[in-house]
Amino acid sequence: MAERNIKLLVAYDGTKFAGWQIQKNQRSVQGVLEESLARIHGHGVSIRGAGRTDSGVHASGQTANFYTDINSIAAEKFAYAINSHLPEDVRVIAGEEVDASFDARHSAMARVYRYYIYVSPIGLPHYRHFCFKIRRRPDIIRLNELASVLVGEQDFTTFTAAGDKSKSRIRNVYNSVFYVKGDFLIYQITANAFLWKMIRSIVGTLLECEKNGIKKKDFLAILENRDRNRAGTTAPARGLFLERVIYSDEELY
């Protein structure tokens, strides 16, 4: 019997996870999903995610895929089957059967992340795991002037963490913008891929540059300098969400 390739849409609260990827002696999203799949299949099943989110980072639109030798479960029903064995901080939102060649990571054209900033003198406790609270309201026009510098294909060495093992630090950023929604100032960035802690480094640097009155040309110089020491403080993981993974030109443009 030929195996079917099942694509999943996954959401999770990353607070108590060491990240997406399986790590020795640590709790991971990939790990709990594979445990659930093993219980359903009666043997080990590997699952592949589109984005290797770090410890504490959340997802509302992670994409993953796995191959199944079970023919009795409809693709869309796998969400219910997998969820029945998952902890409460992970949920499969939807499932569909896709072509055998589909790979959640390598087939992806871009990833959309959002970083949530809560501006308030006093933080509401139910937000505490899902945003970065600041007291001062930044100038959103100035933030967007600075953020626009990041759009395009560029070397993002300045905004990666020490120990990043990427062979190339060049990434193509399609959009980089701040906007307000409800209680939150949100930073959205879309790119073909990201370096380790790149978004959090960008957010921390943008907030510091806006606060210190850094001009657009000077922020560009920080980017072009390719020196991590020129970047600002890395923003905390709890504000970052993998929002969506893009697989077609129509979605991207």
Protein backbone atom coordinates (compact mmCIF):
# COMPACT_ATOMS: atom_id res chain seq x y z
CA MET A 1 0.00 0.00 0.00
CA ALA A 2 1.40 3.38 -1.00
CA GLU A 3 1.90 5.87 1.81
CA ARG A 4 -0.10 9.09 1.80
CA ASN A 5 1.46 12.47 2.49
CA ILE A 6 -0.58 14.44 5.03
CA LYS A 7 -0.17 18.20 5.48
CA LEU A 8 -1.15 19.68 8.84
CA LEU A 9 -1.84 23.19 10.12
CA VAL A 10 -0.60 23.37 13.70
CA ALA A 11 -0.95 25.92 16.53
CA TYR A 12 0.85 25.87 19.86
CA ASP A 13 1.66 27.81 22.98
CA GLY A 14 5.45 27.67 23.07
CA THR A 15 5.79 28.69 26.73
CA LYS A 16 6.64 25.23 28.04
CA PHE A 17 8.45 23.92 24.96
CA ALA A 18 12.17 23.98 24.16
CA GLY A 19 11.14 24.78 20.59
CA TRP A 20 9.77 22.88 17.61
CA GLN A 21 12.69 20.52 16.99
CA ILE A 22 13.30 17.36 19.01
CA GLN A 23 16.07 17.85 21.56
CA LYS A 24 17.51 15.36 24.01
CA ASN A 25 15.79 15.39 27.41
CA GLN A 26 13.68 18.42 26.51
CA ARG A 27 10.03 18.85 25.62
CA SER A 28 9.46 19.82 21.97
CA VAL A 29 6.44 20.36 19.72
CA GLN A 30 7.77 17.91 17.17
CA GLY A 31 8.28 15.39 19.95
CA VAL A 32 4.71 15.46 21.29
CA LEU A 33 3.29 15.31 17.74
CA GLU A 34 5.41 12.27 16.92
CA GLU A 35 4.34 10.62 20.17
CA SER A 36 0.71 11.08 19.16
CA LEU A 37 1.35 9.76 15.65
CA ALA A 38 3.14 6.71 17.06
CA ARG A 39 0.11 5.89 19.22
CA ILE A 40 -2.19 6.14 16.19
CA HIS A 41 0.07 4.12 13.87
CA GLY A 42 1.52 1.59 16.29
CA HIS A 43 5.04 2.51 15.13
CA GLY A 44 7.27 5.55 14.86
CA VAL A 45 6.32 8.31 12.40
CA SER A 46 8.50 11.32 11.59
CA ILE A 47 6.95 14.75 11.11
CA ARG A 48 8.57 17.73 9.42
CA GLY A 49 7.81 21.36 10.25
CA ALA A 50 8.13 24.45 8.07
CA GLY A 51 9.79 26.53 10.78
CA ARG A 52 12.08 25.49 13.63
CA THR A 53 10.67 27.89 16.20
CA ASP A 54 12.87 28.48 19.23
CA SER A 55 12.17 27.92 22.91
CA GLY A 56 9.19 30.00 24.06
CA VAL A 57 8.10 31.00 20.55
CA HIS A 58 4.46 30.34 19.62
CA ALA A 59 2.66 29.42 16.40
CA SER A 60 -0.83 30.06 15.10
CA GLY A 61 -0.03 28.79 11.60
CA GLN A 62 2.83 26.30 11.62
CA THR A 63 2.75 23.82 8.73
CA ALA A 64 3.97 20.23 8.99
CA ASN A 65 3.74 17.01 7.02
CA PHE A 66 4.12 13.28 7.60
CA TYR A 67 3.67 10.06 5.63
CA THR A 68 1.07 7.56 6.77
CA ASP A 69 0.42 3.91 5.93
CA ILE A 70 -3.11 4.15 7.39
CA ASN A 71 -5.79 4.23 4.72
CA SER A 72 -8.81 4.17 7.01
CA ILE A 73 -8.48 7.73 8.33
CA ALA A 74 -9.51 10.55 5.98
CA ALA A 75 -6.88 13.28 5.76
CA GLU A 76 -9.14 15.90 7.34
CA LYS A 77 -9.91 13.53 10.24
CA PHE A 78 -6.27 13.22 11.26
CA ALA A 79 -6.62 16.50 13.17
CA TYR A 80 -9.12 14.90 15.55
CA ALA A 81 -7.14 11.67 15.84
CA ILE A 82 -3.85 13.44 16.61
CA ASN A 83 -5.45 15.96 18.99
CA SER A 84 -6.92 13.14 21.08
CA HIS A 85 -3.36 12.27 22.20
CA LEU A 86 -1.90 15.78 22.45
CA PRO A 87 -1.38 18.01 25.50
CA GLU A 88 -3.54 21.14 25.73
CA ASP A 89 -0.82 23.50 24.52
CA VAL A 90 -0.70 22.00 21.00
CA ARG A 91 -3.53 21.57 18.50
CA VAL A 92 -3.75 20.42 14.90
CA ILE A 93 -6.17 22.84 13.24
CA ALA A 94 -6.59 21.08 9.88
CA GLY A 95 -5.29 18.24 7.75
CA GLU A 96 -5.23 17.52 4.03
CA GLU A 97 -3.66 15.01 1.67
CA VAL A 98 -1.00 16.49 -0.61
CA ASP A 99 1.30 15.34 -3.37
CA ALA A 100 4.06 12.95 -2.32
CA SER A 101 6.68 15.55 -3.22
CA PHE A 102 5.37 18.15 -0.77
CA ASP A 103 7.80 18.97 2.05
CA ALA A 104 6.63 21.44 4.71
CA ARG A 105 10.06 22.99 5.01
CA HIS A 106 11.59 22.82 1.53
CA SER A 107 8.39 23.52 -0.40
CA ALA A 108 7.81 26.75 1.53
CA MET A 109 8.39 30.04 -0.30
CA ALA A 110 8.14 32.29 2.76
CA ARG A 111 7.24 32.46 6.44
CA VAL A 112 5.15 35.17 8.09
CA TYR A 113 5.93 36.04 11.71
CA ARG A 114 4.26 38.56 14.01
CA TYR A 115 5.73 40.03 17.16
CA TYR A 116 3.23 41.36 19.73
CA ILE A 117 4.16 44.37 21.86
CA TYR A 118 1.85 45.49 24.65
CA VAL A 119 2.19 49.15 25.60
CA SER A 120 0.98 49.78 29.15
CA PRO A 121 2.29 50.92 32.53
CA ILE A 122 0.77 47.80 34.09
CA GLY A 123 0.60 44.44 32.30
CA LEU A 124 -2.53 42.30 32.27
CA PRO A 125 -1.66 38.84 33.61
CA HIS A 126 -3.43 36.89 30.84
CA TYR A 127 -1.12 38.53 28.27
CA ARG A 128 2.10 37.74 30.11
CA HIS A 129 3.16 34.69 28.06
CA PHE A 130 2.19 36.11 24.66
CA CYS A 131 3.70 39.58 24.29
CA PHE A 132 6.52 41.92 25.24
CA LYS A 133 5.26 44.65 27.56
CA ILE A 134 6.77 48.13 27.33
CA ARG A 135 5.74 51.34 29.09
CA ARG A 136 6.44 54.01 26.49
CA ARG A 137 4.41 54.20 23.27
CA PRO A 138 6.86 54.37 20.34
CA ASP A 139 6.41 56.58 17.30
CA ILE A 140 4.97 54.11 14.76
CA ILE A 141 5.83 56.35 11.79
CA ARG A 142 9.49 56.39 12.78
CA LEU A 143 9.42 52.65 13.49
CA ASN A 144 8.12 51.97 9.98
CA GLU A 145 10.73 54.25 8.43
CA LEU A 146 13.40 52.15 10.11
CA ALA A 147 11.69 48.81 9.43
CA SER A 148 11.46 49.55 5.69
CA VAL A 149 15.27 49.35 5.49
CA LEU A 150 15.05 45.58 5.97
CA VAL A 151 13.00 44.88 2.83
CA GLY A 152 14.93 43.16 0.03
CA GLU A 153 17.65 40.56 -0.33
CA GLN A 154 20.41 41.45 2.12
CA ASP A 155 23.00 40.06 4.51
CA PHE A 156 21.44 39.89 8.00
CA THR A 157 24.56 38.91 9.95
CA THR A 158 23.98 41.89 12.28
CA PHE A 159 20.73 40.34 13.48
CA THR A 160 21.69 36.74 14.08
CA ALA A 161 22.77 35.14 17.34
CA ALA A 162 26.25 33.85 18.05
CA GLY A 163 26.39 30.18 17.15
CA ASP A 164 24.11 30.41 14.11
CA LYS A 165 25.26 27.65 11.76
CA SER A 166 23.72 28.96 8.52
CA LYS A 167 26.06 28.69 5.53
CA SER A 168 24.71 31.98 4.20
CA ARG A 169 23.37 34.97 6.15
CA ILE A 170 21.59 36.40 3.09
CA ARG A 171 17.79 36.45 3.37
CA ASN A 172 15.03 37.96 1.25
CA VAL A 173 12.57 40.03 3.29
CA TYR A 174 9.27 40.72 1.50
CA ASN A 175 7.63 42.95 4.10
CA SER A 176 8.58 44.58 7.39
CA VAL A 177 5.92 46.73 9.02
CA PHE A 178 4.44 47.87 12.34
CA TYR A 179 0.71 48.36 12.88
CA VAL A 180 -1.74 48.66 15.77
CA LYS A 181 -4.45 46.10 16.44
CA GLY A 182 -6.52 46.25 19.62
CA ASP A 183 -4.24 46.44 22.64
CA PHE A 184 -1.13 45.56 20.68
CA LEU A 185 1.55 47.15 18.57
CA ILE A 186 2.41 44.38 16.11
CA TYR A 187 5.52 43.94 14.01
CA GLN A 188 5.01 41.71 10.95
CA ILE A 189 7.87 40.40 8.86
CA THR A 190 7.75 38.04 5.89
CA ALA A 191 10.87 36.43 4.44
CA ASN A 192 12.00 33.36 2.58
CA ALA A 193 13.75 32.18 5.77
CA PHE A 194 15.22 33.53 8.99
CA LEU A 195 18.46 33.26 10.91
CA TRP A 196 18.61 32.11 14.52
CA LYS A 197 16.88 34.73 16.74
CA MET A 198 16.89 37.16 13.80
CA ILE A 199 13.37 38.54 14.31
CA ARG A 200 13.78 39.06 18.03
CA SER A 201 17.08 40.85 17.44
CA ILE A 202 15.44 43.06 14.81
CA VAL A 203 12.55 43.96 17.13
CA GLY A 204 14.83 44.83 20.03
CA THR A 205 17.07 46.93 17.79
CA LEU A 206 14.19 48.78 16.12
CA LEU A 207 12.65 49.71 19.47
CA GLU A 208 15.98 50.98 20.81
CA CYS A 209 16.77 52.91 17.62
CA GLU A 210 13.35 54.59 17.63
CA LYS A 211 13.74 55.52 21.29
CA ASN A 212 17.22 56.96 20.71
CA GLY A 213 16.25 58.95 17.62
CA ILE A 214 18.41 56.92 15.22
CA LYS A 215 17.80 57.97 11.62
CA LYS A 216 17.02 55.67 8.70
CA LYS A 217 20.50 56.02 7.16
CA ASP A 218 22.12 55.15 10.48
CA PHE A 219 19.95 52.05 10.90
CA LEU A 220 20.96 51.02 7.38
CA ALA A 221 24.59 51.40 8.47
CA ILE A 222 23.92 49.05 11.41
CA LEU A 223 22.54 46.44 9.00
CA GLU A 224 25.37 46.84 6.49
CA ASN A 225 28.05 46.72 9.18
CA ARG A 226 27.34 42.98 9.71
CA ASP A 227 28.42 43.19 13.35
CA ARG A 228 26.15 41.69 16.03
CA ASN A 229 27.61 44.11 18.56
CA ARG A 230 25.96 46.98 16.66
CA ALA A 231 22.48 45.50 17.19
CA GLY A 232 20.29 46.14 20.21
CA THR A 233 18.97 43.86 22.93
CA THR A 234 17.19 40.72 21.72
CA ALA A 235 13.45 40.92 22.44
CA PRO A 236 11.97 38.06 24.51
CA ALA A 237 10.65 34.94 22.78
CA ARG A 238 7.18 35.19 24.32
CA GLY A 239 6.00 37.91 21.91
CA LEU A 240 6.81 35.99 18.72
CA PHE A 241 4.34 33.94 16.67
CA LEU A 242 4.79 31.96 13.46
CA GLU A 243 1.65 33.23 11.77
CA ARG A 244 1.62 31.55 8.37
CA VAL A 245 3.70 29.61 5.87
CA ILE A 246 3.40 30.55 2.20
CA TYR A 247 3.58 27.97 -0.59
CA SER A 248 2.50 29.86 -3.73
CA ASP A 249 3.15 33.09 -5.63
CA GLU A 250 -0.50 34.03 -5.21
CA GLU A 251 -0.17 33.98 -1.40
CA LEU A 252 3.15 35.80 -1.46
CA TYR A 253 2.27 38.64 -3.80
